[in-house]
Amino acid sequence: MTIEVQGVRRAFGDVLAVDSISLTARPGEVTALIGPNGSGKTTLLLMLATLLVPDQGTIRVAGLDPVTQHAQVRAQIGWMPDGFGTWDALTVREVLHTVAAAYRMPADRARARTDELLHTVHLADLADRRARVLSRGQKQRLGLARALINDPHVLLLDEPASGLDPRSRIELRDVLRSLAAQGKTILVSSHILTELQEVADRAVIVARGRTIETQNLDADFVSTASASWRIDSLDGDRLATWLAEHHVPATRVGGGLTEVEVAGEENAARLLADLVRDGIRITAFGPSQGALESAYLAATQDRR
């Protein structure tokens, strides 16, 4: 149930939204789609969801063409857009029953699936409330349940963590990892890079409608990639002198904090040990950017 995108292009009049994006998302993995606003992420997801037709290039979802086989593709996918309407007069339970009916799901199966998903997204206590009373985060969780109602093989999520509180984001991460473990193909677009690093297996970085880089987010990447670390010290001047003498690139960021760029966790640990050994009084030492965030910033530094 792989997603394959090759050289896809889509324009809206004179505006080129997607310009030769290519990517692969595999079963059993969470693939992160990241890039600046206006980089073509949502347009690509709309094409994968059969809601837009590409001007050129090829797309295959589970081996199917979303343009010529849109009904078959829709049966295979779960689609959660960044913004979606709800039927405010319906209860949460009724919303899911209505979506299940659109998939021609038998009533008994729809009821069982609805109850299962309400517990999965932690909305069981709101099942009989009208959708209009839900908060932004609760509507996001309802949107995820809607996307999962047909037990899809492929899941397309556009900013699923938007509006979620920290606990709900952790729960979302756990749900996505569980779905990937079941062999589902998950493509997720998000701006919350630190959390994507925890949930994703690979990241596709896009800018100006083009694929810039694909990065595997395995343990080796996390442990060796360059990242920014912040140091707080009681000896600010001595720290600055020590870093300069040891040719460690550093920037004062205010509040007594100094930011350094270090390649890998092993080198960060060695730097801290050397500072303490030489008598620099360190009160805080930790990453200010995750490895994925640093890779993203490096890949897109000349692009918007």
Protein backbone atom coordinates (compact mmCIF):
# COMPACT_ATOMS: atom_id res chain seq x y z
CA MET A 1 0.00 0.00 0.00
CA THR A 2 2.83 2.37 -0.89
CA ILE A 3 2.40 6.01 -1.92
CA GLU A 4 4.52 6.86 -4.98
CA VAL A 5 4.80 10.44 -6.29
CA GLN A 6 7.01 11.20 -9.28
CA GLY A 7 7.58 14.64 -10.79
CA VAL A 8 4.15 15.98 -9.87
CA ARG A 9 3.27 19.51 -10.87
CA ARG A 10 0.16 21.60 -10.18
CA ALA A 11 -0.51 25.27 -10.97
CA PHE A 12 -3.42 27.56 -10.21
CA GLY A 13 -3.36 30.08 -13.03
CA ASP A 14 0.00 31.85 -12.79
CA VAL A 15 0.73 30.40 -9.35
CA LEU A 16 2.86 27.25 -9.40
CA ALA A 17 1.89 25.48 -6.17
CA VAL A 18 3.68 22.17 -6.78
CA ASP A 19 6.70 21.97 -9.06
CA SER A 20 8.17 18.50 -9.54
CA ILE A 21 7.64 16.95 -6.10
CA SER A 22 8.68 13.30 -5.74
CA LEU A 23 8.37 11.11 -2.66
CA THR A 24 7.73 7.59 -1.44
CA ALA A 25 5.78 6.62 1.69
CA ARG A 26 5.93 2.96 2.67
CA PRO A 27 3.66 0.64 4.66
CA GLY A 28 4.53 0.31 8.32
CA GLU A 29 6.11 3.77 8.41
CA VAL A 30 5.17 7.32 9.30
CA THR A 31 6.48 9.70 6.63
CA ALA A 32 6.63 13.37 7.57
CA LEU A 33 6.04 16.02 4.91
CA ILE A 34 7.59 19.29 6.09
CA GLY A 35 8.24 22.65 4.50
CA PRO A 36 7.50 26.38 4.78
CA ASN A 37 4.00 27.76 4.31
CA GLY A 38 3.20 27.85 0.61
CA SER A 39 5.61 25.04 -0.24
CA GLY A 40 2.92 22.83 -1.76
CA LYS A 41 2.27 20.36 1.08
CA THR A 42 -1.51 20.76 1.22
CA THR A 43 -1.84 20.85 -2.57
CA LEU A 44 0.05 17.55 -2.78
CA LEU A 45 -2.13 15.96 -0.11
CA LEU A 46 -5.27 17.12 -1.94
CA MET A 47 -4.01 15.40 -5.09
CA LEU A 48 -3.29 12.21 -3.14
CA ALA A 49 -6.80 12.39 -1.70
CA THR A 50 -8.29 12.56 -5.24
CA LEU A 51 -9.55 16.13 -4.68
CA LEU A 52 -7.20 17.78 -7.18
CA VAL A 53 -5.81 16.55 -10.50
CA PRO A 54 -2.08 17.04 -11.18
CA ASP A 55 -1.05 18.93 -14.31
CA GLN A 56 1.77 16.47 -14.89
CA GLY A 57 3.66 13.66 -13.19
CA THR A 58 2.38 10.41 -11.75
CA ILE A 59 0.76 9.48 -8.43
CA ARG A 60 0.04 5.99 -7.20
CA VAL A 61 -1.73 5.20 -3.93
CA ALA A 62 -1.68 1.48 -3.16
CA GLY A 63 -0.91 0.95 -6.83
CA LEU A 64 -3.98 2.95 -7.91
CA ASP A 65 -4.19 6.17 -9.91
CA PRO A 66 -6.15 8.85 -7.99
CA VAL A 67 -7.18 10.47 -11.28
CA THR A 68 -8.62 7.48 -13.13
CA GLN A 69 -9.41 5.25 -10.14
CA HIS A 70 -10.58 7.81 -7.62
CA ALA A 71 -13.38 5.66 -6.15
CA GLN A 72 -10.99 2.78 -5.46
CA VAL A 73 -8.42 5.16 -3.96
CA ARG A 74 -11.00 6.73 -1.65
CA ALA A 75 -11.92 3.29 -0.36
CA GLN A 76 -8.27 2.75 0.64
CA ILE A 77 -7.47 6.09 2.27
CA GLY A 78 -8.32 8.07 5.37
CA TRP A 79 -8.13 11.82 4.79
CA MET A 80 -7.86 14.46 7.52
CA PRO A 81 -7.57 18.01 6.16
CA ASP A 82 -6.11 20.91 8.14
CA GLY A 83 -9.50 22.59 8.34
CA PHE A 84 -12.79 20.79 8.00
CA GLY A 85 -16.39 21.51 8.81
CA THR A 86 -18.53 19.51 11.20
CA TRP A 87 -22.24 18.95 11.17
CA ASP A 88 -22.84 21.07 14.24
CA ALA A 89 -26.38 19.82 14.85
CA LEU A 90 -25.21 16.18 15.01
CA THR A 91 -23.72 14.53 18.04
CA VAL A 92 -20.16 13.24 17.92
CA ARG A 93 -21.49 9.70 17.60
CA GLU A 94 -23.88 10.69 14.81
CA VAL A 95 -21.06 12.36 12.87
CA LEU A 96 -19.14 9.08 12.78
CA HIS A 97 -22.27 7.07 11.94
CA THR A 98 -22.92 9.43 9.01
CA VAL A 99 -19.39 9.02 7.66
CA ALA A 100 -19.66 5.24 8.08
CA ALA A 101 -22.90 5.27 6.09
CA ALA A 102 -21.11 7.10 3.28
CA TYR A 103 -18.78 4.10 3.10
CA ARG A 104 -21.86 1.82 2.99
CA MET A 105 -20.79 0.21 6.24
CA PRO A 106 -23.39 -2.11 7.82
CA ALA A 107 -25.12 -0.47 10.80
CA ASP A 108 -23.85 -2.95 13.39
CA ARG A 109 -20.29 -2.61 12.13
CA ALA A 110 -20.63 1.20 12.09
CA ARG A 111 -21.74 1.22 15.73
CA ALA A 112 -18.88 -1.03 16.82
CA ARG A 113 -16.31 0.94 14.85
CA THR A 114 -17.63 4.22 16.22
CA ASP A 115 -17.38 3.03 19.82
CA GLU A 116 -13.85 1.76 19.18
CA LEU A 117 -12.69 5.04 17.67
CA LEU A 118 -14.33 7.22 20.32
CA HIS A 119 -12.17 5.46 22.89
CA THR A 120 -9.09 5.65 20.66
CA VAL A 121 -9.34 9.44 20.31
CA HIS A 122 -10.60 9.95 23.89
CA LEU A 123 -14.01 11.35 22.96
CA ALA A 124 -16.18 8.63 24.50
CA ASP A 125 -17.38 10.96 27.26
CA LEU A 126 -18.52 13.46 24.60
CA ALA A 127 -20.16 10.94 22.29
CA ASP A 128 -23.67 12.33 22.75
CA ARG A 129 -22.73 16.01 22.74
CA ARG A 130 -23.48 18.19 19.73
CA ALA A 131 -20.41 18.79 17.56
CA ARG A 132 -20.87 22.55 17.92
CA VAL A 133 -19.79 22.45 21.58
CA LEU A 134 -16.44 20.84 20.83
CA SER A 135 -13.23 22.79 21.25
CA ARG A 136 -10.73 23.17 18.41
CA GLY A 137 -8.64 20.30 19.78
CA GLN A 138 -11.67 18.06 20.28
CA LYS A 139 -12.75 18.70 16.68
CA GLN A 140 -9.26 17.69 15.56
CA ARG A 141 -9.64 14.40 17.42
CA LEU A 142 -13.07 13.91 15.85
CA GLY A 143 -11.46 14.58 12.47
CA LEU A 144 -8.92 11.82 13.11
CA ALA A 145 -11.73 9.42 14.04
CA ARG A 146 -13.55 10.32 10.83
CA ALA A 147 -10.40 9.57 8.84
CA LEU A 148 -10.11 6.16 10.50
CA ILE A 149 -13.75 5.09 10.28
CA ASN A 150 -13.22 2.90 7.19
CA ASP A 151 -10.08 1.27 8.64
CA PRO A 152 -7.96 2.67 5.78
CA HIS A 153 -4.69 1.21 4.55
CA VAL A 154 -3.32 4.69 3.79
CA LEU A 155 -3.69 7.70 6.09
CA LEU A 156 -3.22 11.29 4.85
CA LEU A 157 -3.03 13.85 7.67
CA ASP A 158 -2.64 17.61 7.18
CA GLU A 159 -1.58 19.33 10.42
CA PRO A 160 -3.32 16.79 12.68
CA ALA A 161 -1.81 18.23 15.89
CA SER A 162 -3.14 21.75 15.26
CA GLY A 163 -5.07 22.91 18.31
CA LEU A 164 -4.18 19.88 20.42
CA ASP A 165 -2.98 20.28 24.00
CA PRO A 166 0.30 18.57 25.01
CA ARG A 167 -1.40 15.44 26.35
CA SER A 168 -3.50 15.06 23.18
CA ARG A 169 -0.36 15.42 21.07
CA ILE A 170 1.29 12.60 22.97
CA GLU A 171 -1.82 10.48 22.50
CA LEU A 172 -1.83 11.30 18.76
CA ARG A 173 1.81 10.21 18.52
CA ASP A 174 0.96 6.91 20.20
CA VAL A 175 -2.01 6.35 17.86
CA LEU A 176 0.12 6.98 14.76
CA ARG A 177 2.87 4.63 15.92
CA SER A 178 0.25 1.96 16.67
CA LEU A 179 -1.26 2.36 13.19
CA ALA A 180 2.16 2.13 11.57
CA ALA A 181 2.83 -1.05 13.55
CA GLN A 182 -0.31 -2.49 11.96
CA GLY A 183 1.29 -1.98 8.53
CA LYS A 184 -0.56 1.15 7.49
CA THR A 185 1.06 3.82 5.31
CA ILE A 186 0.95 7.22 7.02
CA LEU A 187 1.85 10.55 5.42
CA VAL A 188 1.60 13.48 7.83
CA SER A 189 2.21 17.17 7.28
CA SER A 190 3.01 19.25 10.36
CA HIS A 191 4.95 22.28 11.57
CA ILE A 192 5.69 20.72 14.97
CA LEU A 193 9.07 19.31 14.05
CA THR A 194 10.18 18.19 17.50
CA GLU A 195 7.17 15.90 17.76
CA LEU A 196 7.50 14.69 14.18
CA GLN A 197 11.03 13.57 14.99
CA GLU A 198 9.58 11.35 17.74
CA VAL A 199 6.89 9.77 15.57
CA ALA A 200 8.21 9.72 11.99
CA ASP A 201 10.46 7.17 10.31
CA ARG A 202 11.49 9.48 7.49
CA ALA A 203 11.02 13.12 6.53
CA VAL A 204 10.52 14.63 3.10
CA ILE A 205 11.50 18.31 3.08
CA VAL A 206 9.86 20.48 0.41
CA ALA A 207 10.21 24.15 -0.51
CA ARG A 208 8.87 26.21 -3.41
CA GLY A 209 6.91 23.21 -4.56
CA ARG A 210 9.95 20.96 -4.95
CA THR A 211 11.45 18.08 -2.99
CA ILE A 212 14.65 19.33 -1.35
CA GLU A 213 15.75 16.39 0.75
CA THR A 214 14.59 13.04 2.13
CA GLN A 215 16.00 12.09 5.52
CA ASN A 216 15.73 8.79 7.39
CA LEU A 217 15.00 9.53 11.05
CA ASP A 218 16.69 6.49 12.52
CA ALA A 219 18.76 6.32 15.69
CA ASP A 220 21.98 7.05 13.80
CA PHE A 221 20.53 10.29 12.42
CA VAL A 222 19.36 11.48 15.83
CA SER A 223 22.66 10.61 17.52
CA THR A 224 24.97 12.10 14.87
CA ALA A 225 23.09 14.98 13.22
CA SER A 226 24.17 18.54 13.88
CA ALA A 227 21.91 20.40 16.31
CA SER A 228 21.88 23.57 18.39
CA TRP A 229 22.51 23.32 22.14
CA ARG A 230 22.00 26.04 24.73
CA ILE A 231 24.37 26.58 27.63
CA ASP A 232 23.68 28.58 30.77
CA SER A 233 26.67 29.33 32.96
CA LEU A 234 27.61 31.34 36.04
CA ASP A 235 30.83 32.22 34.18
CA GLY A 236 29.49 33.83 31.01
CA ASP A 237 32.67 35.66 30.03
CA ARG A 238 34.89 32.67 30.77
CA LEU A 239 32.53 30.46 28.78
CA ALA A 240 32.72 32.79 25.77
CA THR A 241 36.51 32.87 25.95
CA TRP A 242 36.75 29.08 26.31
CA LEU A 243 34.48 28.46 23.31
CA ALA A 244 36.47 30.92 21.17
CA GLU A 245 39.79 29.33 22.17
CA HIS A 246 38.47 25.88 21.31
CA HIS A 247 36.96 27.06 18.00
CA VAL A 248 33.39 26.18 18.98
CA PRO A 249 30.95 28.41 17.01
CA ALA A 250 28.78 30.18 19.58
CA THR A 251 26.12 32.87 19.73
CA ARG A 252 24.83 34.82 22.73
CA VAL A 253 21.04 34.53 22.66
CA GLY A 254 20.15 36.68 25.67
CA GLY A 255 19.25 35.96 29.25
CA GLY A 256 22.75 34.70 29.91
CA LEU A 257 22.32 31.84 27.43
CA THR A 258 24.83 30.82 24.79
CA GLU A 259 23.93 28.69 21.79
CA VAL A 260 26.43 26.35 20.13
CA GLU A 261 26.20 24.06 17.12
CA VAL A 262 27.32 20.50 17.85
CA ALA A 263 27.42 17.48 15.54
CA GLY A 264 25.84 14.59 17.42
CA GLU A 265 24.99 13.73 21.00
CA GLU A 266 28.40 12.17 21.65
CA ASN A 267 30.16 15.44 20.82
CA ALA A 268 27.66 17.37 22.94
CA ALA A 269 28.40 15.14 25.93
CA ARG A 270 32.15 15.55 25.33
CA LEU A 271 31.78 19.35 25.15
CA LEU A 272 29.92 19.45 28.47
CA ALA A 273 32.53 17.21 30.13
CA ASP A 274 35.36 19.44 28.86
CA LEU A 275 33.66 22.60 30.12
CA VAL A 276 33.14 21.12 33.59
CA ARG A 277 36.70 19.76 33.65
CA ASP A 278 38.08 23.24 32.96
CA GLY A 279 36.09 24.78 35.77
CA ILE A 280 33.31 26.49 33.80
CA ARG A 281 30.27 26.47 36.07
CA ILE A 282 27.41 25.16 33.94
CA THR A 283 23.86 25.44 35.28
CA ALA A 284 21.99 24.22 32.19
CA PHE A 285 22.96 22.38 29.02
CA GLY A 286 20.40 21.04 26.55
CA PRO A 287 19.25 21.01 22.94
CA SER A 288 17.44 24.10 21.67
CA GLN A 289 16.63 22.43 18.35
CA GLY A 290 16.06 18.81 17.54
CA ALA A 291 18.03 17.07 14.81
CA LEU A 292 15.07 17.21 12.40
CA GLU A 293 14.52 20.92 13.02
CA SER A 294 18.19 21.64 12.36
CA ALA A 295 18.13 19.56 9.16
CA TYR A 296 15.00 21.39 8.03
CA LEU A 297 16.48 24.83 8.68
CA ALA A 298 19.69 23.90 6.87
CA ALA A 299 17.81 22.52 3.85
CA THR A 300 15.50 25.52 3.53
CA GLN A 301 17.78 28.39 4.57
CA ASP A 302 17.75 29.89 1.06
CA ARG A 303 14.10 29.05 0.31
CA ARG A 304 10.71 30.32 1.46
